[in-house]
Amino acid sequence: MQAFESVTLYGLPLVSKRRVAYSQIDPVVSRELFIREALVNQDTKLNDDFLTENQLEVDEIKGLEDKTRRRDLLVDEEALVEFYAQHIPAHVCSEASFKKWWSKTKPASQIC
């Protein structure tokens, strides 16, 4: 996730609309947004097996909810966010930091 930065000197704009990684500005909010949007809502460029498997599980449960006309089989988004937040270290707040952490962690354990 990126944000725009403006740099001024005594009110005179030196740089306008420079792109910066939002994780450098506010890592806590960036982590929350990364988990919620990239991992839970699948709005990411990451292409790992566990994400595909998790989405297949969610789709299967949604199909069961449609068949049974019930909407209480799939856990809510907050539960999924909490699950990822518990399993992913605090320093992971972007796709790049996730890829770096996951490449070291992946052989040792699977979080899906």
PDB file of N, CA and C in Angstrom:
ATOM      1  N   MET A   1       0.845  -1.151   0.000  1.00  0.00           N
ATOM      2  CA  MET A   1       0.000   0.000   0.000  1.00  0.00           C
ATOM      3  C   MET A   1       0.901   1.226   0.000  1.00  0.00           C
ATOM      4  N   GLN A   2       0.481   2.219  -0.762  1.00  0.00           N
ATOM      5  CA  GLN A   2       1.285   3.419  -0.890  1.00  0.00           C
ATOM      6  C   GLN A   2       0.481   4.649  -0.531  1.00  0.00           C
ATOM      7  N   ALA A   3       1.212   5.693  -0.169  1.00  0.00           N
ATOM      8  CA  ALA A   3       0.608   6.985   0.135  1.00  0.00           C
ATOM      9  C   ALA A   3       1.399   8.051  -0.613  1.00  0.00           C
ATOM     10  N   PHE A   4       0.849   9.242  -0.678  1.00  0.00           N
ATOM     11  CA  PHE A   4       1.551  10.355  -1.293  1.00  0.00           C
ATOM     12  C   PHE A   4       2.159  11.224  -0.203  1.00  0.00           C
ATOM     13  N   GLU A   5       3.356  11.728  -0.460  1.00  0.00           N
ATOM     14  CA  GLU A   5       4.063  12.568   0.486  1.00  0.00           C
ATOM     15  C   GLU A   5       4.394  13.884  -0.203  1.00  0.00           C
ATOM     16  N   SER A   6       4.275  14.959   0.534  1.00  0.00           N
ATOM     17  CA  SER A   6       4.692  16.264   0.040  1.00  0.00           C
ATOM     18  C   SER A   6       5.789  16.782   0.949  1.00  0.00           C
ATOM     19  N   VAL A   7       6.818  17.366   0.353  1.00  0.00           N
ATOM     20  CA  VAL A   7       7.928  17.920   1.112  1.00  0.00           C
ATOM     21  C   VAL A   7       7.963  19.418   0.857  1.00  0.00           C
ATOM     22  N   THR A   8       7.959  20.183   1.944  1.00  0.00           N
ATOM     23  CA  THR A   8       7.998  21.635   1.813  1.00  0.00           C
ATOM     24  C   THR A   8       9.150  22.188   2.641  1.00  0.00           C
ATOM     25  N   LEU A   9       9.620  23.338   2.248  1.00  0.00           N
ATOM     26  CA  LEU A   9      10.648  24.066   2.983  1.00  0.00           C
ATOM     27  C   LEU A   9      10.160  25.491   3.145  1.00  0.00           C
ATOM     28  N   TYR A  10       9.864  25.885   4.383  1.00  0.00           N
ATOM     29  CA  TYR A  10       9.313  27.198   4.690  1.00  0.00           C
ATOM     30  C   TYR A  10       8.061  27.491   3.865  1.00  0.00           C
ATOM     31  N   GLY A  11       7.232  26.485   3.672  1.00  0.00           N
ATOM     32  CA  GLY A  11       5.986  26.641   2.944  1.00  0.00           C
ATOM     33  C   GLY A  11       6.116  26.496   1.439  1.00  0.00           C
ATOM     34  N   LEU A  12       7.341  26.403   0.937  1.00  0.00           N
ATOM     35  CA  LEU A  12       7.562  26.249  -0.498  1.00  0.00           C
ATOM     36  C   LEU A  12       7.624  24.760  -0.830  1.00  0.00           C
ATOM     37  N   PRO A  13       6.736  24.282  -1.695  1.00  0.00           N
ATOM     38  CA  PRO A  13       6.754  22.848  -2.009  1.00  0.00           C
ATOM     39  C   PRO A  13       8.000  22.458  -2.800  1.00  0.00           C
ATOM     40  N   LEU A  14       8.742  21.493  -2.264  1.00  0.00           N
ATOM     41  CA  LEU A  14       9.920  20.969  -2.948  1.00  0.00           C
ATOM     42  C   LEU A  14       9.576  19.718  -3.744  1.00  0.00           C
ATOM     43  N   VAL A  15       8.794  18.848  -3.110  1.00  0.00           N
ATOM     44  CA  VAL A  15       8.362  17.620  -3.760  1.00  0.00           C
ATOM     45  C   VAL A  15       6.861  17.493  -3.530  1.00  0.00           C
ATOM     46  N   SER A  16       6.139  17.191  -4.595  1.00  0.00           N
ATOM     47  CA  SER A  16       4.694  17.058  -4.490  1.00  0.00           C
ATOM     48  C   SER A  16       4.280  15.685  -4.986  1.00  0.00           C
ATOM     49  N   LYS A  17       3.440  15.021  -4.209  1.00  0.00           N
ATOM     50  CA  LYS A  17       2.879  13.709  -4.557  1.00  0.00           C
ATOM     51  C   LYS A  17       3.946  12.643  -4.811  1.00  0.00           C
ATOM     52  N   ARG A  18       4.939  12.567  -3.940  1.00  0.00           N
ATOM     53  CA  ARG A  18       5.921  11.488  -4.034  1.00  0.00           C
ATOM     54  C   ARG A  18       5.325  10.247  -3.381  1.00  0.00           C
ATOM     55  N   ARG A  19       5.433   9.122  -4.056  1.00  0.00           N
ATOM     56  CA  ARG A  19       4.886   7.869  -3.517  1.00  0.00           C
ATOM     57  C   ARG A  19       5.840   7.295  -2.468  1.00  0.00           C
ATOM     58  N   VAL A  20       5.255   6.900  -1.341  1.00  0.00           N
ATOM     59  CA  VAL A  20       6.012   6.249  -0.278  1.00  0.00           C
ATOM     60  C   VAL A  20       5.210   5.069   0.230  1.00  0.00           C
ATOM     61  N   ALA A  21       5.891   4.079   0.750  1.00  0.00           N
ATOM     62  CA  ALA A  21       5.209   2.927   1.336  1.00  0.00           C
ATOM     63  C   ALA A  21       4.523   3.365   2.622  1.00  0.00           C
ATOM     64  N   TYR A  22       3.237   3.043   2.742  1.00  0.00           N
ATOM     65  CA  TYR A  22       2.484   3.452   3.927  1.00  0.00           C
ATOM     66  C   TYR A  22       3.005   2.759   5.186  1.00  0.00           C
ATOM     67  N   SER A  23       3.650   1.622   5.014  1.00  0.00           N
ATOM     68  CA  SER A  23       4.199   0.913   6.171  1.00  0.00           C
ATOM     69  C   SER A  23       5.304   1.717   6.842  1.00  0.00           C
ATOM     70  N   GLN A  24       5.932   2.648   6.131  1.00  0.00           N
ATOM     71  CA  GLN A  24       6.945   3.517   6.731  1.00  0.00           C
ATOM     72  C   GLN A  24       6.297   4.639   7.537  1.00  0.00           C
ATOM     73  N   ILE A  25       5.081   5.008   7.185  1.00  0.00           N
ATOM     74  CA  ILE A  25       4.386   6.096   7.862  1.00  0.00           C
ATOM     75  C   ILE A  25       3.699   5.594   9.136  1.00  0.00           C
ATOM     76  N   ASP A  26       2.909   4.544   9.013  1.00  0.00           N
ATOM     77  CA  ASP A  26       2.169   3.991  10.154  1.00  0.00           C
ATOM     78  C   ASP A  26       2.117   2.471  10.032  1.00  0.00           C
ATOM     79  N   PRO A  27       3.116   1.763  10.586  1.00  0.00           N
ATOM     80  CA  PRO A  27       3.156   0.310  10.432  1.00  0.00           C
ATOM     81  C   PRO A  27       1.987  -0.428  11.088  1.00  0.00           C
ATOM     82  N   VAL A  28       1.426   0.109  12.147  1.00  0.00           N
ATOM     83  CA  VAL A  28       0.325  -0.569  12.834  1.00  0.00           C
ATOM     84  C   VAL A  28      -0.926  -0.578  11.956  1.00  0.00           C
ATOM     85  N   VAL A  29      -1.283   0.566  11.419  1.00  0.00           N
ATOM     86  CA  VAL A  29      -2.446   0.655  10.535  1.00  0.00           C
ATOM     87  C   VAL A  29      -2.172  -0.116   9.253  1.00  0.00           C
ATOM     88  N   SER A  30      -0.960  -0.030   8.757  1.00  0.00           N
ATOM     89  CA  SER A  30      -0.594  -0.746   7.545  1.00  0.00           C
ATOM     90  C   SER A  30      -0.737  -2.251   7.734  1.00  0.00           C
ATOM     91  N   ARG A  31      -0.345  -2.758   8.893  1.00  0.00           N
ATOM     92  CA  ARG A  31      -0.484  -4.180   9.189  1.00  0.00           C
ATOM     93  C   ARG A  31      -1.954  -4.590   9.205  1.00  0.00           C
ATOM     94  N   GLU A  32      -2.777  -3.791   9.864  1.00  0.00           N
ATOM     95  CA  GLU A  32      -4.213  -4.075   9.931  1.00  0.00           C
ATOM     96  C   GLU A  32      -4.818  -4.101   8.531  1.00  0.00           C
ATOM     97  N   LEU A  33      -4.490  -3.125   7.720  1.00  0.00           N
ATOM     98  CA  LEU A  33      -5.009  -3.069   6.357  1.00  0.00           C
ATOM     99  C   LEU A  33      -4.479  -4.216   5.503  1.00  0.00           C
ATOM    100  N   PHE A  34      -3.206  -4.561   5.672  1.00  0.00           N
ATOM    101  CA  PHE A  34      -2.624  -5.664   4.912  1.00  0.00           C
ATOM    102  C   PHE A  34      -3.330  -6.978   5.235  1.00  0.00           C
ATOM    103  N   ILE A  35      -3.522  -7.241   6.514  1.00  0.00           N
ATOM    104  CA  ILE A  35      -4.182  -8.484   6.912  1.00  0.00           C
ATOM    105  C   ILE A  35      -5.620  -8.513   6.394  1.00  0.00           C
ATOM    106  N   ARG A  36      -6.344  -7.421   6.611  1.00  0.00           N
ATOM    107  CA  ARG A  36      -7.754  -7.385   6.235  1.00  0.00           C
ATOM    108  C   ARG A  36      -7.948  -7.444   4.715  1.00  0.00           C
ATOM    109  N   GLU A  37      -7.239  -6.630   3.991  1.00  0.00           N
ATOM    110  CA  GLU A  37      -7.472  -6.537   2.548  1.00  0.00           C
ATOM    111  C   GLU A  37      -6.715  -7.589   1.750  1.00  0.00           C
ATOM    112  N   ALA A  38      -5.452  -7.807   2.074  1.00  0.00           N
ATOM    113  CA  ALA A  38      -4.649  -8.737   1.269  1.00  0.00           C
ATOM    114  C   ALA A  38      -4.920 -10.190   1.626  1.00  0.00           C
ATOM    115  N   LEU A  39      -4.917 -10.509   2.906  1.00  0.00           N
ATOM    116  CA  LEU A  39      -5.038 -11.909   3.295  1.00  0.00           C
ATOM    117  C   LEU A  39      -6.484 -12.377   3.446  1.00  0.00           C
ATOM    118  N   VAL A  40      -7.328 -11.564   4.052  1.00  0.00           N
ATOM    119  CA  VAL A  40      -8.712 -11.985   4.273  1.00  0.00           C
ATOM    120  C   VAL A  40      -9.560 -11.772   3.016  1.00  0.00           C
ATOM    121  N   ASN A  41      -9.456 -10.596   2.405  1.00  0.00           N
ATOM    122  CA  ASN A  41     -10.292 -10.286   1.236  1.00  0.00           C
ATOM    123  C   ASN A  41      -9.617 -10.618  -0.088  1.00  0.00           C
ATOM    124  N   GLN A  42      -8.420 -11.195  -0.044  1.00  0.00           N
ATOM    125  CA  GLN A  42      -7.711 -11.670  -1.238  1.00  0.00           C
ATOM    126  C   GLN A  42      -7.416 -10.560  -2.247  1.00  0.00           C
ATOM    127  N   ASP A  43      -7.236  -9.337  -1.804  1.00  0.00           N
ATOM    128  CA  ASP A  43      -6.888  -8.224  -2.692  1.00  0.00           C
ATOM    129  C   ASP A  43      -5.371  -8.049  -2.662  1.00  0.00           C
ATOM    130  N   THR A  44      -4.677  -8.973  -3.330  1.00  0.00           N
ATOM    131  CA  THR A  44      -3.229  -9.011  -3.256  1.00  0.00           C
ATOM    132  C   THR A  44      -2.627  -9.601  -4.520  1.00  0.00           C
ATOM    133  N   LYS A  45      -1.350  -9.355  -4.698  1.00  0.00           N
ATOM    134  CA  LYS A  45      -0.605  -9.970  -5.794  1.00  0.00           C
ATOM    135  C   LYS A  45       0.073 -11.255  -5.331  1.00  0.00           C
ATOM    136  N   LEU A  46      -0.015 -11.543  -4.042  1.00  0.00           N
ATOM    137  CA  LEU A  46       0.579 -12.770  -3.512  1.00  0.00           C
ATOM    138  C   LEU A  46      -0.099 -13.974  -4.154  1.00  0.00           C
ATOM    139  N   ASN A  47       0.688 -14.982  -4.456  1.00  0.00           N
ATOM    140  CA  ASN A  47       0.149 -16.167  -5.111  1.00  0.00           C
ATOM    141  C   ASN A  47       0.678 -17.412  -4.404  1.00  0.00           C
ATOM    142  N   ASP A  48       0.327 -17.553  -3.141  1.00  0.00           N
ATOM    143  CA  ASP A  48       0.782 -18.703  -2.361  1.00  0.00           C
ATOM    144  C   ASP A  48      -0.319 -19.739  -2.259  1.00  0.00           C
ATOM    145  N   ASP A  49       0.104 -20.978  -2.081  1.00  0.00           N
ATOM    146  CA  ASP A  49      -0.849 -22.090  -2.030  1.00  0.00           C
ATOM    147  C   ASP A  49      -1.853 -21.940  -0.892  1.00  0.00           C
ATOM    148  N   PHE A  50      -1.409 -21.466   0.265  1.00  0.00           N
ATOM    149  CA  PHE A  50      -2.326 -21.392   1.400  1.00  0.00           C
ATOM    150  C   PHE A  50      -3.453 -20.390   1.133  1.00  0.00           C
ATOM    151  N   LEU A  51      -3.170 -19.311   0.386  1.00  0.00           N
ATOM    152  CA  LEU A  51      -4.225 -18.352   0.058  1.00  0.00           C
ATOM    153  C   LEU A  51      -5.264 -18.978  -0.867  1.00  0.00           C
ATOM    154  N   THR A  52      -4.791 -19.734  -1.833  1.00  0.00           N
ATOM    155  CA  THR A  52      -5.706 -20.417  -2.754  1.00  0.00           C
ATOM    156  C   THR A  52      -6.553 -21.436  -2.005  1.00  0.00           C
ATOM    157  N   GLU A  53      -5.920 -22.221  -1.144  1.00  0.00           N
ATOM    158  CA  GLU A  53      -6.653 -23.224  -0.364  1.00  0.00           C
ATOM    159  C   GLU A  53      -7.666 -22.572   0.566  1.00  0.00           C
ATOM    160  N   ASN A  54      -7.263 -21.478   1.211  1.00  0.00           N
ATOM    161  CA  ASN A  54      -8.192 -20.785   2.104  1.00  0.00           C
ATOM    162  C   ASN A  54      -9.392 -20.240   1.346  1.00  0.00           C
ATOM    163  N   GLN A  55      -9.158 -19.692   0.141  1.00  0.00           N
ATOM    164  CA  GLN A  55     -10.264 -19.160  -0.643  1.00  0.00           C
ATOM    165  C   GLN A  55     -11.189 -20.276  -1.104  1.00  0.00           C
ATOM    166  N   LEU A  56     -10.630 -21.433  -1.452  1.00  0.00           N
ATOM    167  CA  LEU A  56     -11.470 -22.578  -1.828  1.00  0.00           C
ATOM    168  C   LEU A  56     -12.351 -23.013  -0.667  1.00  0.00           C
ATOM    169  N   GLU A  57     -11.799 -23.011   0.540  1.00  0.00           N
ATOM    170  CA  GLU A  57     -12.581 -23.370   1.732  1.00  0.00           C
ATOM    171  C   GLU A  57     -13.718 -22.370   1.959  1.00  0.00           C
ATOM    172  N   VAL A  58     -13.395 -21.082   1.831  1.00  0.00           N
ATOM    173  CA  VAL A  58     -14.415 -20.041   2.015  1.00  0.00           C
ATOM    174  C   VAL A  58     -15.518 -20.197   0.973  1.00  0.00           C
ATOM    175  N   ASP A  59     -15.133 -20.433  -0.283  1.00  0.00           N
ATOM    176  CA  ASP A  59     -16.125 -20.615  -1.341  1.00  0.00           C
ATOM    177  C   ASP A  59     -17.005 -21.832  -1.080  1.00  0.00           C
ATOM    178  N   GLU A  60     -16.408 -22.906  -0.579  1.00  0.00           N
ATOM    179  CA  GLU A  60     -17.175 -24.112  -0.272  1.00  0.00           C
ATOM    180  C   GLU A  60     -18.185 -23.848   0.840  1.00  0.00           C
ATOM    181  N   ILE A  61     -17.755 -23.138   1.870  1.00  0.00           N
ATOM    182  CA  ILE A  61     -18.661 -22.827   2.980  1.00  0.00           C
ATOM    183  C   ILE A  61     -19.773 -21.889   2.522  1.00  0.00           C
ATOM    184  N   LYS A  62     -19.436 -20.919   1.669  1.00  0.00           N
ATOM    185  CA  LYS A  62     -20.473 -20.027   1.139  1.00  0.00           C
ATOM    186  C   LYS A  62     -21.484 -20.802   0.307  1.00  0.00           C
ATOM    187  N   GLY A  63     -21.006 -21.800  -0.428  1.00  0.00           N
ATOM    188  CA  GLY A  63     -21.912 -22.663  -1.182  1.00  0.00           C
ATOM    189  C   GLY A  63     -22.846 -23.427  -0.265  1.00  0.00           C
ATOM    190  N   LEU A  64     -22.307 -23.932   0.848  1.00  0.00           N
ATOM    191  CA  LEU A  64     -23.147 -24.622   1.831  1.00  0.00           C
ATOM    192  C   LEU A  64     -24.159 -23.667   2.445  1.00  0.00           C
ATOM    193  N   GLU A  65     -23.741 -22.434   2.713  1.00  0.00           N
ATOM    194  CA  GLU A  65     -24.671 -21.441   3.255  1.00  0.00           C
ATOM    195  C   GLU A  65     -25.806 -21.169   2.272  1.00  0.00           C
ATOM    196  N   ASP A  66     -25.484 -21.105   0.986  1.00  0.00           N
ATOM    197  CA  ASP A  66     -26.526 -20.881  -0.018  1.00  0.00           C
ATOM    198  C   ASP A  66     -27.493 -22.055  -0.081  1.00  0.00           C
ATOM    199  N   LYS A  67     -26.959 -23.270  -0.014  1.00  0.00           N
ATOM    200  CA  LYS A  67     -27.816 -24.462  -0.087  1.00  0.00           C
ATOM    201  C   LYS A  67     -28.744 -24.558   1.120  1.00  0.00           C
ATOM    202  N   THR A  68     -28.212 -24.285   2.288  1.00  0.00           N
ATOM    203  CA  THR A  68     -29.003 -24.434   3.507  1.00  0.00           C
ATOM    204  C   THR A  68     -29.753 -23.163   3.893  1.00  0.00           C
ATOM    205  N   ARG A  69     -29.494 -22.077   3.143  1.00  0.00           N
ATOM    206  CA  ARG A  69     -30.118 -20.778   3.413  1.00  0.00           C
ATOM    207  C   ARG A  69     -29.829 -20.298   4.832  1.00  0.00           C
ATOM    208  N   ARG A  70     -28.623 -20.564   5.257  1.00  0.00           N
ATOM    209  CA  ARG A  70     -28.149 -20.095   6.559  1.00  0.00           C
ATOM    210  C   ARG A  70     -26.944 -19.206   6.324  1.00  0.00           C
ATOM    211  N   ARG A  71     -26.750 -18.222   7.161  1.00  0.00           N
ATOM    212  CA  ARG A  71     -25.607 -17.315   7.020  1.00  0.00           C
ATOM    213  C   ARG A  71     -24.708 -17.335   8.252  1.00  0.00           C
ATOM    214  N   ASP A  72     -24.715 -18.463   8.968  1.00  0.00           N
ATOM    215  CA  ASP A  72     -23.917 -18.524  10.185  1.00  0.00           C
ATOM    216  C   ASP A  72     -22.859 -19.623  10.152  1.00  0.00           C
ATOM    217  N   LEU A  73     -22.573 -20.178   8.990  1.00  0.00           N
ATOM    218  CA  LEU A  73     -21.568 -21.243   8.911  1.00  0.00           C
ATOM    219  C   LEU A  73     -20.154 -20.684   8.806  1.00  0.00           C
ATOM    220  N   LEU A  74     -19.986 -19.630   8.032  1.00  0.00           N
ATOM    221  CA  LEU A  74     -18.676 -19.016   7.843  1.00  0.00           C
ATOM    222  C   LEU A  74     -18.425 -18.006   8.947  1.00  0.00           C
ATOM    223  N   VAL A  75     -17.222 -18.077   9.522  1.00  0.00           N
ATOM    224  CA  VAL A  75     -16.886 -17.103  10.561  1.00  0.00           C
ATOM    225  C   VAL A  75     -16.841 -15.719   9.939  1.00  0.00           C
ATOM    226  N   ASP A  76     -17.027 -14.703  10.768  1.00  0.00           N
ATOM    227  CA  ASP A  76     -17.026 -13.349  10.233  1.00  0.00           C
ATOM    228  C   ASP A  76     -15.600 -12.882   9.934  1.00  0.00           C
ATOM    229  N   GLU A  77     -15.517 -11.779   9.241  1.00  0.00           N
ATOM    230  CA  GLU A  77     -14.234 -11.233   8.806  1.00  0.00           C
ATOM    231  C   GLU A  77     -13.313 -10.935   9.983  1.00  0.00           C
ATOM    232  N   GLU A  78     -13.864 -10.472  11.082  1.00  0.00           N
ATOM    233  CA  GLU A  78     -13.055 -10.138  12.259  1.00  0.00           C
ATOM    234  C   GLU A  78     -12.345 -11.366  12.827  1.00  0.00           C
ATOM    235  N   ALA A  79     -12.990 -12.504  12.789  1.00  0.00           N
ATOM    236  CA  ALA A  79     -12.359 -13.734  13.274  1.00  0.00           C
ATOM    237  C   ALA A  79     -11.191 -14.138  12.382  1.00  0.00           C
ATOM    238  N   LEU A  80     -11.347 -13.962  11.081  1.00  0.00           N
ATOM    239  CA  LEU A  80     -10.244 -14.264  10.167  1.00  0.00           C
ATOM    240  C   LEU A  80      -9.088 -13.292  10.362  1.00  0.00           C
ATOM    241  N   VAL A  81      -9.400 -12.019  10.553  1.00  0.00           N
ATOM    242  CA  VAL A  81      -8.355 -11.020  10.809  1.00  0.00           C
ATOM    243  C   VAL A  81      -7.606 -11.375  12.085  1.00  0.00           C
ATOM    244  N   GLU A  82      -8.331 -11.737  13.117  1.00  0.00           N
ATOM    245  CA  GLU A  82      -7.707 -12.110  14.394  1.00  0.00           C
ATOM    246  C   GLU A  82      -6.833 -13.345  14.234  1.00  0.00           C
ATOM    247  N   PHE A  83      -7.276 -14.315  13.449  1.00  0.00           N
ATOM    248  CA  PHE A  83      -6.487 -15.526  13.201  1.00  0.00           C
ATOM    249  C   PHE A  83      -5.145 -15.174  12.571  1.00  0.00           C
ATOM    250  N   TYR A  84      -5.188 -14.377  11.494  1.00  0.00           N
ATOM    251  CA  TYR A  84      -3.941 -13.994  10.831  1.00  0.00           C
ATOM    252  C   TYR A  84      -3.063 -13.142  11.749  1.00  0.00           C
ATOM    253  N   ALA A  85      -3.666 -12.244  12.515  1.00  0.00           N
ATOM    254  CA  ALA A  85      -2.902 -11.376  13.411  1.00  0.00           C
ATOM    255  C   ALA A  85      -2.165 -12.183  14.484  1.00  0.00           C
ATOM    256  N   GLN A  86      -2.756 -13.277  14.915  1.00  0.00           N
ATOM    257  CA  GLN A  86      -2.109 -14.123  15.913  1.00  0.00           C
ATOM    258  C   GLN A  86      -0.944 -14.913  15.338  1.00  0.00           C
ATOM    259  N   HIS A  87      -1.015 -15.272  14.063  1.00  0.00           N
ATOM    260  CA  HIS A  87      -0.012 -16.140  13.465  1.00  0.00           C
ATOM    261  C   HIS A  87       1.100 -15.402  12.719  1.00  0.00           C
ATOM    262  N   ILE A  88       0.891 -14.156  12.422  1.00  0.00           N
ATOM    263  CA  ILE A  88       1.885 -13.386  11.670  1.00  0.00           C
ATOM    264  C   ILE A  88       2.559 -12.410  12.619  1.00  0.00           C
ATOM    265  N   PRO A  89       3.899 -12.341  12.585  1.00  0.00           N
ATOM    266  CA  PRO A  89       4.612 -11.429  13.498  1.00  0.00           C
ATOM    267  C   PRO A  89       4.245  -9.960  13.274  1.00  0.00           C
ATOM    268  N   ALA A  90       4.475  -9.145  14.286  1.00  0.00           N
ATOM    269  CA  ALA A  90       4.090  -7.739  14.260  1.00  0.00           C
ATOM    270  C   ALA A  90       4.829  -6.930  13.204  1.00  0.00           C
ATOM    271  N   HIS A  91       6.018  -7.340  12.819  1.00  0.00           N
ATOM    272  CA  HIS A  91       6.782  -6.557  11.838  1.00  0.00           C
ATOM    273  C   HIS A  91       6.291  -6.745  10.406  1.00  0.00           C
ATOM    274  N   VAL A  92       5.425  -7.712  10.168  1.00  0.00           N
ATOM    275  CA  VAL A  92       4.898  -7.960   8.820  1.00  0.00           C
ATOM    276  C   VAL A  92       3.719  -7.021   8.589  1.00  0.00           C
ATOM    277  N   CYS A  93       3.917  -6.043   7.676  1.00  0.00           N
ATOM    278  CA  CYS A  93       2.865  -5.058   7.437  1.00  0.00           C
ATOM    279  C   CYS A  93       2.724  -4.702   5.955  1.00  0.00           C
ATOM    280  N   SER A  94       3.327  -5.506   5.083  1.00  0.00           N
ATOM    281  CA  SER A  94       3.213  -5.268   3.638  1.00  0.00           C
ATOM    282  C   SER A  94       3.462  -6.578   2.901  1.00  0.00           C
ATOM    283  N   GLU A  95       3.194  -6.575   1.606  1.00  0.00           N
ATOM    284  CA  GLU A  95       3.434  -7.771   0.807  1.00  0.00           C
ATOM    285  C   GLU A  95       4.907  -8.148   0.818  1.00  0.00           C
ATOM    286  N   ALA A  96       5.773  -7.148   0.721  1.00  0.00           N
ATOM    287  CA  ALA A  96       7.211  -7.425   0.702  1.00  0.00           C
ATOM    288  C   ALA A  96       7.678  -8.048   2.011  1.00  0.00           C
ATOM    289  N   SER A  97       7.254  -7.490   3.139  1.00  0.00           N
ATOM    290  CA  SER A  97       7.673  -8.051   4.424  1.00  0.00           C
ATOM    291  C   SER A  97       7.041  -9.424   4.652  1.00  0.00           C
ATOM    292  N   PHE A  98       5.814  -9.618   4.139  1.00  0.00           N
ATOM    293  CA  PHE A  98       5.185 -10.927   4.255  1.00  0.00           C
ATOM    294  C   PHE A  98       5.958 -11.965   3.454  1.00  0.00           C
ATOM    295  N   LYS A  99       6.317 -11.629   2.212  1.00  0.00           N
ATOM    296  CA  LYS A  99       7.072 -12.566   1.375  1.00  0.00           C
ATOM    297  C   LYS A  99       8.390 -12.947   2.031  1.00  0.00           C
ATOM    298  N   LYS A 100       9.076 -11.987   2.600  1.00  0.00           N
ATOM    299  CA  LYS A 100      10.359 -12.252   3.262  1.00  0.00           C
ATOM    300  C   LYS A 100      10.157 -13.177   4.463  1.00  0.00           C
ATOM    301  N   TRP A 101       9.171 -12.856   5.300  1.00  0.00           N
ATOM    302  CA  TRP A 101       8.895 -13.689   6.473  1.00  0.00           C
ATOM    303  C   TRP A 101       8.417 -15.077   6.059  1.00  0.00           C
ATOM    304  N   TRP A 102       7.507 -15.149   5.089  1.00  0.00           N
ATOM    305  CA  TRP A 102       6.921 -16.417   4.684  1.00  0.00           C
ATOM    306  C   TRP A 102       7.962 -17.328   4.054  1.00  0.00           C
ATOM    307  N   SER A 103       8.906 -16.772   3.319  1.00  0.00           N
ATOM    308  CA  SER A 103       9.935 -17.609   2.695  1.00  0.00           C
ATOM    309  C   SER A 103      10.812 -18.289   3.747  1.00  0.00           C
ATOM    310  N   LYS A 104      10.988 -17.651   4.889  1.00  0.00           N
ATOM    311  CA  LYS A 104      11.769 -18.253   5.981  1.00  0.00           C
ATOM    312  C   LYS A 104      10.925 -19.204   6.815  1.00  0.00           C
ATOM    313  N   THR A 105       9.645 -18.932   6.945  1.00  0.00           N
ATOM    314  CA  THR A 105       8.761 -19.689   7.823  1.00  0.00           C
ATOM    315  C   THR A 105       8.103 -20.872   7.123  1.00  0.00           C
ATOM    316  N   LYS A 106       7.817 -20.741   5.863  1.00  0.00           N
ATOM    317  CA  LYS A 106       7.037 -21.722   5.110  1.00  0.00           C
ATOM    318  C   LYS A 106       7.477 -23.167   5.291  1.00  0.00           C
ATOM    319  N   PRO A 107       8.758 -23.512   5.159  1.00  0.00           N
ATOM    320  CA  PRO A 107       9.142 -24.914   5.326  1.00  0.00           C
ATOM    321  C   PRO A 107       8.907 -25.445   6.745  1.00  0.00           C
ATOM    322  N   ALA A 108       8.987 -24.568   7.744  1.00  0.00           N
ATOM    323  CA  ALA A 108       8.873 -25.015   9.117  1.00  0.00           C
ATOM    324  C   ALA A 108       7.426 -25.301   9.527  1.00  0.00           C
ATOM    325  N   SER A 109       6.501 -24.458   9.072  1.00  0.00           N
ATOM    326  CA  SER A 109       5.102 -24.672   9.468  1.00  0.00           C
ATOM    327  C   SER A 109       4.177 -24.049   8.442  1.00  0.00           C
ATOM    328  N   GLN A 110       2.955 -24.527   8.424  1.00  0.00           N
ATOM    329  CA  GLN A 110       1.919 -23.991   7.565  1.00  0.00           C
ATOM    330  C   GLN A 110       0.866 -23.356   8.469  1.00  0.00           C
ATOM    331  N   ILE A 111       0.437 -22.116   8.161  1.00  0.00           N
ATOM    332  CA  ILE A 111      -0.551 -21.466   9.005  1.00  0.00           C
ATOM    333  C   ILE A 111      -1.972 -21.663   8.503  1.00  0.00           C
ATOM    334  N   CYS A 112      -2.146 -22.311   7.386  1.00  0.00           N
ATOM    335  CA  CYS A 112      -3.503 -22.489   6.884  1.00  0.00           C
ATOM    336  C   CYS A 112      -4.085 -23.665   7.581  1.00  0.00           C
TER     337      CYS A 112
END
